[in-house]
């Protein structure tokens, strides 16, 4: 009778199992506060990025339409006007991003400071 023992261990598989198991374990208070802190910190630039990217994309499209008016349709005044509006919009987009980030930081600073104080002790 030939009985043999075979054991296969995969570190990658075990780490995946541990990661899934960890999601379903109850979190202690420190971990939930840390997760909240991370979420707040990540949310600072999200709205600002979306708004500034939208403005930049729309401004680039307006600039492109202005170039078409100027070069293809021979409407020089309208084309020049649209190009200037597009350039201004593209120049304002980074400023808008910085302004919105500063505003959001000021809004959530008390909560961030409270959470960091609780987690530090």
N, C-alpha and C. Protein backbone atom coordinates (compact mmCIF):
# COMPACT_ATOMS: atom_id res chain seq x y z
N UNK A 1 0.83 -1.16 0.00
CA UNK A 1 0.00 0.00 0.00
C UNK A 1 0.89 1.24 0.00
N UNK A 2 0.66 2.08 -0.96
CA UNK A 2 1.51 3.26 -1.11
C UNK A 2 0.70 4.52 -0.82
N UNK A 3 0.77 4.93 0.39
CA UNK A 3 0.10 6.18 0.76
C UNK A 3 1.15 7.27 0.85
N UNK A 4 0.92 8.33 0.11
CA UNK A 4 1.87 9.44 0.17
C UNK A 4 1.12 10.74 0.42
N UNK A 5 1.81 11.63 0.98
CA UNK A 5 1.23 12.91 1.35
C UNK A 5 1.73 13.96 0.37
N UNK A 6 0.80 14.67 -0.27
CA UNK A 6 1.16 15.75 -1.20
C UNK A 6 0.57 17.04 -0.68
N UNK A 7 1.40 18.05 -0.61
CA UNK A 7 0.94 19.34 -0.11
C UNK A 7 1.41 20.41 -1.08
N UNK A 8 0.48 21.20 -1.57
CA UNK A 8 0.82 22.30 -2.47
C UNK A 8 0.49 23.62 -1.76
N UNK A 9 1.46 24.47 -1.67
CA UNK A 9 1.26 25.77 -1.02
C UNK A 9 1.56 26.86 -2.04
N UNK A 10 0.65 27.81 -2.14
CA UNK A 10 0.84 28.93 -3.03
C UNK A 10 0.71 30.22 -2.22
N UNK A 11 1.78 30.95 -2.11
CA UNK A 11 1.77 32.20 -1.34
C UNK A 11 0.80 33.21 -1.96
N UNK A 12 0.76 33.24 -3.27
CA UNK A 12 -0.13 34.16 -3.96
C UNK A 12 -1.59 33.83 -3.66
N UNK A 13 -1.91 32.56 -3.70
CA UNK A 13 -3.28 32.12 -3.42
C UNK A 13 -3.64 32.41 -1.96
N UNK A 14 -2.72 32.15 -1.05
CA UNK A 14 -2.98 32.39 0.36
C UNK A 14 -3.18 33.87 0.65
N UNK A 15 -2.41 34.74 0.00
CA UNK A 15 -2.57 36.18 0.22
C UNK A 15 -3.91 36.66 -0.33
N UNK A 16 -4.36 36.08 -1.43
CA UNK A 16 -5.68 36.43 -1.96
C UNK A 16 -6.79 35.98 -1.00
N UNK A 17 -6.65 34.80 -0.46
CA UNK A 17 -7.63 34.30 0.52
C UNK A 17 -7.65 35.19 1.75
N UNK A 18 -6.48 35.60 2.23
CA UNK A 18 -6.41 36.47 3.40
C UNK A 18 -7.03 37.83 3.14
N UNK A 19 -6.82 38.36 1.92
CA UNK A 19 -7.40 39.67 1.58
C UNK A 19 -8.92 39.61 1.55
N UNK A 20 -9.46 38.52 1.00
CA UNK A 20 -10.92 38.36 0.96
C UNK A 20 -11.45 38.19 2.38
N UNK A 21 -10.79 37.38 3.18
CA UNK A 21 -11.23 37.14 4.56
C UNK A 21 -11.22 38.44 5.36
N UNK A 22 -10.21 39.26 5.16
CA UNK A 22 -10.07 40.51 5.90
C UNK A 22 -11.24 41.46 5.63
N UNK A 23 -11.79 41.42 4.41
CA UNK A 23 -12.92 42.29 4.08
C UNK A 23 -14.15 41.97 4.90
N UNK A 24 -14.27 40.73 5.34
CA UNK A 24 -15.47 40.30 6.05
C UNK A 24 -15.30 40.23 7.56
N UNK A 25 -14.11 40.46 8.04
CA UNK A 25 -13.90 40.50 9.48
C UNK A 25 -14.38 41.85 10.02
N UNK A 26 -14.89 41.88 11.23
CA UNK A 26 -15.30 43.17 11.78
C UNK A 26 -14.07 44.06 11.99
N UNK A 27 -14.22 45.32 11.59
CA UNK A 27 -13.10 46.26 11.74
C UNK A 27 -13.13 46.86 13.13
N UNK A 28 -11.95 47.05 13.67
CA UNK A 28 -11.91 47.74 14.95
C UNK A 28 -12.00 49.26 14.69
N UNK A 29 -12.16 50.00 15.75
CA UNK A 29 -12.42 51.44 15.64
C UNK A 29 -11.24 52.17 14.99
N UNK A 30 -10.02 51.78 15.31
CA UNK A 30 -8.84 52.44 14.75
C UNK A 30 -8.79 52.27 13.23
N UNK A 31 -9.06 51.06 12.76
CA UNK A 31 -9.01 50.81 11.32
C UNK A 31 -10.10 51.57 10.59
N UNK A 32 -11.29 51.65 11.16
CA UNK A 32 -12.36 52.38 10.50
C UNK A 32 -12.07 53.87 10.45
N UNK A 33 -11.45 54.40 11.50
CA UNK A 33 -11.07 55.82 11.49
C UNK A 33 -9.97 56.07 10.48
N UNK A 34 -9.03 55.15 10.38
CA UNK A 34 -7.96 55.29 9.40
C UNK A 34 -8.52 55.23 7.98
N UNK A 35 -9.48 54.35 7.75
CA UNK A 35 -10.11 54.26 6.44
C UNK A 35 -10.86 55.56 6.12
N UNK A 36 -11.53 56.12 7.11
CA UNK A 36 -12.24 57.39 6.91
C UNK A 36 -11.25 58.51 6.61
N UNK A 37 -10.13 58.51 7.32
CA UNK A 37 -9.09 59.51 7.09
C UNK A 37 -8.54 59.41 5.67
N UNK A 38 -8.28 58.20 5.22
CA UNK A 38 -7.78 58.00 3.85
C UNK A 38 -8.81 58.47 2.82
N UNK A 39 -10.08 58.16 3.08
CA UNK A 39 -11.14 58.55 2.15
C UNK A 39 -11.25 60.08 2.07
N UNK A 40 -11.19 60.74 3.20
CA UNK A 40 -11.26 62.21 3.20
C UNK A 40 -10.06 62.81 2.47
N UNK A 41 -8.88 62.26 2.72
CA UNK A 41 -7.68 62.77 2.08
C UNK A 41 -7.74 62.59 0.56
N UNK A 42 -8.27 61.47 0.11
CA UNK A 42 -8.36 61.21 -1.32
C UNK A 42 -9.42 62.08 -1.99
N UNK A 43 -10.42 62.51 -1.23
CA UNK A 43 -11.51 63.29 -1.82
C UNK A 43 -11.14 64.74 -2.07
N UNK A 44 -9.99 65.17 -1.59
CA UNK A 44 -9.62 66.58 -1.73
C UNK A 44 -9.51 66.97 -3.20
N UNK A 45 -8.83 66.19 -3.98
CA UNK A 45 -8.59 66.59 -5.37
C UNK A 45 -9.58 66.07 -6.38
N UNK A 46 -10.49 65.20 -5.98
CA UNK A 46 -11.38 64.57 -6.95
C UNK A 46 -12.30 65.56 -7.64
N UNK A 47 -13.06 66.32 -6.86
CA UNK A 47 -13.98 67.29 -7.46
C UNK A 47 -13.24 68.36 -8.24
N UNK A 48 -12.12 68.79 -7.70
CA UNK A 48 -11.34 69.83 -8.37
C UNK A 48 -10.81 69.33 -9.70
N UNK A 49 -10.36 68.09 -9.73
CA UNK A 49 -9.85 67.51 -10.97
C UNK A 49 -10.94 67.41 -12.02
N UNK A 50 -12.11 66.95 -11.61
CA UNK A 50 -13.22 66.80 -12.56
C UNK A 50 -13.62 68.16 -13.12
N UNK A 51 -13.75 69.17 -12.26
CA UNK A 51 -14.17 70.49 -12.72
C UNK A 51 -13.13 71.12 -13.64
N UNK A 52 -11.86 71.04 -13.26
CA UNK A 52 -10.83 71.67 -14.08
C UNK A 52 -10.63 70.94 -15.40
N UNK A 53 -10.74 69.61 -15.38
CA UNK A 53 -10.63 68.86 -16.63
C UNK A 53 -11.79 69.18 -17.56
N UNK A 54 -13.00 69.28 -17.01
CA UNK A 54 -14.16 69.62 -17.84
C UNK A 54 -13.97 71.00 -18.47
N UNK A 55 -13.53 71.97 -17.68
CA UNK A 55 -13.31 73.30 -18.23
C UNK A 55 -12.22 73.28 -19.29
N UNK A 56 -11.13 72.57 -19.03
CA UNK A 56 -10.04 72.50 -20.01
C UNK A 56 -10.46 71.83 -21.30
N UNK A 57 -11.26 70.77 -21.21
CA UNK A 57 -11.71 70.07 -22.42
C UNK A 57 -12.66 70.94 -23.22
N UNK A 58 -13.61 71.56 -22.55
CA UNK A 58 -14.55 72.44 -23.25
C UNK A 58 -13.80 73.61 -23.88
N UNK A 59 -12.85 74.17 -23.17
CA UNK A 59 -12.07 75.29 -23.71
C UNK A 59 -11.25 74.85 -24.93
N UNK A 60 -10.68 73.66 -24.88
CA UNK A 60 -9.93 73.16 -26.03
C UNK A 60 -10.84 72.94 -27.23
N UNK A 61 -12.05 72.46 -26.98
CA UNK A 61 -13.00 72.28 -28.08
C UNK A 61 -13.43 73.62 -28.68
N UNK A 62 -13.66 74.61 -27.81
CA UNK A 62 -14.01 75.95 -28.31
C UNK A 62 -12.86 76.51 -29.12
N UNK A 63 -11.64 76.31 -28.65
CA UNK A 63 -10.46 76.75 -29.40
C UNK A 63 -10.40 76.06 -30.77
N UNK A 64 -10.68 74.76 -30.79
CA UNK A 64 -10.67 74.03 -32.06
C UNK A 64 -11.73 74.52 -33.03
N UNK A 65 -12.92 74.83 -32.52
CA UNK A 65 -13.98 75.37 -33.39
C UNK A 65 -13.55 76.74 -33.91
N UNK A 66 -12.91 77.53 -33.05
CA UNK A 66 -12.40 78.82 -33.48
C UNK A 66 -11.37 78.69 -34.59
N UNK A 67 -10.50 77.69 -34.46
CA UNK A 67 -9.50 77.46 -35.52
C UNK A 67 -10.18 77.03 -36.82
N UNK A 68 -11.23 76.22 -36.70
CA UNK A 68 -11.97 75.82 -37.90
C UNK A 68 -12.64 77.02 -38.56
N UNK A 69 -13.25 77.88 -37.74
CA UNK A 69 -13.87 79.09 -38.28
C UNK A 69 -12.83 79.94 -38.98
N UNK A 70 -11.69 80.05 -38.38
CA UNK A 70 -10.64 80.92 -38.91
C UNK A 70 -10.01 80.35 -40.17
N UNK A 71 -9.68 79.06 -40.16
CA UNK A 71 -8.92 78.47 -41.26
C UNK A 71 -9.77 77.84 -42.36
N UNK A 72 -10.89 77.22 -41.99
CA UNK A 72 -11.67 76.48 -42.98
C UNK A 72 -12.81 77.32 -43.54
N UNK A 73 -13.57 77.96 -42.65
CA UNK A 73 -14.78 78.65 -43.08
C UNK A 73 -14.56 80.14 -43.35
N UNK A 74 -13.36 80.61 -43.21
CA UNK A 74 -12.98 82.00 -43.48
C UNK A 74 -13.82 83.01 -42.71
N UNK A 75 -14.19 82.69 -41.50
CA UNK A 75 -14.89 83.63 -40.62
C UNK A 75 -13.87 84.09 -39.58
N UNK A 76 -13.12 85.11 -39.97
CA UNK A 76 -11.95 85.51 -39.18
C UNK A 76 -12.32 86.10 -37.82
N UNK A 77 -13.33 86.95 -37.77
CA UNK A 77 -13.68 87.60 -36.52
C UNK A 77 -14.22 86.57 -35.52
N UNK A 78 -15.17 85.75 -35.94
CA UNK A 78 -15.72 84.72 -35.07
C UNK A 78 -14.64 83.73 -34.65
N UNK A 79 -13.79 83.33 -35.58
CA UNK A 79 -12.71 82.40 -35.27
C UNK A 79 -11.74 82.96 -34.26
N UNK A 80 -11.36 84.22 -34.44
CA UNK A 80 -10.43 84.84 -33.50
C UNK A 80 -11.07 84.96 -32.11
N UNK A 81 -12.35 85.32 -32.07
CA UNK A 81 -13.05 85.44 -30.80
C UNK A 81 -13.12 84.09 -30.08
N UNK A 82 -13.49 83.03 -30.79
CA UNK A 82 -13.57 81.70 -30.18
C UNK A 82 -12.20 81.20 -29.74
N UNK A 83 -11.16 81.48 -30.51
CA UNK A 83 -9.81 81.08 -30.11
C UNK A 83 -9.39 81.77 -28.82
N UNK A 84 -9.68 83.05 -28.71
CA UNK A 84 -9.32 83.79 -27.50
C UNK A 84 -10.09 83.23 -26.30
N UNK A 85 -11.39 82.96 -26.47
CA UNK A 85 -12.18 82.39 -25.39
C UNK A 85 -11.63 81.03 -24.99
N UNK A 86 -11.26 80.20 -25.95
CA UNK A 86 -10.69 78.89 -25.66
C UNK A 86 -9.37 78.97 -24.94
N UNK A 87 -8.52 79.89 -25.34
CA UNK A 87 -7.21 80.06 -24.69
C UNK A 87 -7.41 80.52 -23.24
N UNK A 88 -8.32 81.46 -23.05
CA UNK A 88 -8.59 81.93 -21.68
C UNK A 88 -9.10 80.79 -20.81
N UNK A 89 -10.01 79.98 -21.35
CA UNK A 89 -10.52 78.83 -20.60
C UNK A 89 -9.43 77.85 -20.24
N UNK A 90 -8.51 77.57 -21.17
CA UNK A 90 -7.41 76.65 -20.89
C UNK A 90 -6.44 77.22 -19.86
N UNK A 91 -6.27 78.53 -19.86
CA UNK A 91 -5.39 79.16 -18.88
C UNK A 91 -6.03 79.20 -17.49
N UNK A 92 -7.36 79.27 -17.43
CA UNK A 92 -8.07 79.35 -16.15
C UNK A 92 -8.18 77.97 -15.48
N UNK A 93 -8.15 76.88 -16.25
CA UNK A 93 -8.36 75.53 -15.71
C UNK A 93 -7.38 75.17 -14.58
N UNK A 94 -6.07 75.39 -14.72
CA UNK A 94 -5.17 75.07 -13.59
C UNK A 94 -5.44 75.94 -12.36
N UNK A 95 -5.75 77.20 -12.58
CA UNK A 95 -6.09 78.08 -11.46
C UNK A 95 -7.34 77.57 -10.74
N UNK A 96 -8.35 77.15 -11.52
CA UNK A 96 -9.57 76.61 -10.94
C UNK A 96 -9.27 75.38 -10.09
N UNK A 97 -8.40 74.51 -10.58
CA UNK A 97 -8.03 73.31 -9.82
C UNK A 97 -7.43 73.69 -8.47
N UNK A 98 -6.44 74.58 -8.50
CA UNK A 98 -5.79 74.98 -7.25
C UNK A 98 -6.78 75.64 -6.28
N UNK A 99 -7.65 76.47 -6.81
CA UNK A 99 -8.63 77.17 -5.97
C UNK A 99 -9.60 76.18 -5.32
N UNK A 100 -10.11 75.21 -6.09
CA UNK A 100 -11.04 74.23 -5.55
C UNK A 100 -10.38 73.31 -4.54
N UNK A 101 -9.10 72.97 -4.76
CA UNK A 101 -8.38 72.14 -3.80
C UNK A 101 -8.20 72.89 -2.49
N UNK A 102 -7.82 74.16 -2.57
CA UNK A 102 -7.67 74.97 -1.36
C UNK A 102 -8.99 75.08 -0.60
N UNK A 103 -10.07 75.28 -1.33
CA UNK A 103 -11.39 75.41 -0.71
C UNK A 103 -11.78 74.10 -0.02
N UNK A 104 -11.56 72.98 -0.68
CA UNK A 104 -11.93 71.68 -0.11
C UNK A 104 -11.06 71.37 1.12
N UNK A 105 -9.77 71.72 1.05
CA UNK A 105 -8.90 71.50 2.21
C UNK A 105 -9.39 72.29 3.41
N UNK A 106 -9.82 73.52 3.16
CA UNK A 106 -10.33 74.34 4.27
C UNK A 106 -11.61 73.75 4.85
N UNK A 107 -12.43 73.14 3.99
CA UNK A 107 -13.69 72.54 4.46
C UNK A 107 -13.45 71.33 5.35
N UNK A 108 -12.52 70.46 4.95
CA UNK A 108 -12.36 69.20 5.68
C UNK A 108 -11.22 69.21 6.68
N UNK A 109 -10.49 70.33 6.78
CA UNK A 109 -9.35 70.39 7.71
C UNK A 109 -9.73 70.07 9.15
N UNK A 110 -10.84 70.60 9.69
CA UNK A 110 -11.16 70.26 11.08
C UNK A 110 -11.40 68.75 11.29
N UNK A 111 -12.06 68.12 10.35
CA UNK A 111 -12.32 66.68 10.46
C UNK A 111 -11.02 65.87 10.35
N UNK A 112 -10.16 66.26 9.43
CA UNK A 112 -8.87 65.58 9.27
C UNK A 112 -8.05 65.73 10.55
N UNK A 113 -8.00 66.93 11.08
CA UNK A 113 -7.22 67.16 12.30
C UNK A 113 -7.79 66.39 13.48
N UNK A 114 -9.12 66.30 13.57
CA UNK A 114 -9.75 65.55 14.65
C UNK A 114 -9.39 64.07 14.55
N UNK A 115 -9.50 63.52 13.34
CA UNK A 115 -9.19 62.10 13.15
C UNK A 115 -7.71 61.81 13.41
N UNK A 116 -6.83 62.67 12.94
CA UNK A 116 -5.40 62.43 13.17
C UNK A 116 -5.07 62.53 14.66
N UNK A 117 -5.73 63.42 15.35
CA UNK A 117 -5.50 63.53 16.80
C UNK A 117 -5.96 62.26 17.53
N UNK A 118 -7.12 61.74 17.13
CA UNK A 118 -7.62 60.51 17.74
C UNK A 118 -6.72 59.31 17.43
N UNK A 119 -6.23 59.24 16.21
CA UNK A 119 -5.40 58.11 15.83
C UNK A 119 -3.99 58.20 16.42
N UNK A 120 -3.53 59.40 16.71
CA UNK A 120 -2.18 59.57 17.26
C UNK A 120 -2.09 59.10 18.70
N UNK A 121 -3.19 59.15 19.42
CA UNK A 121 -3.15 58.81 20.83
C UNK A 121 -3.41 57.36 21.08
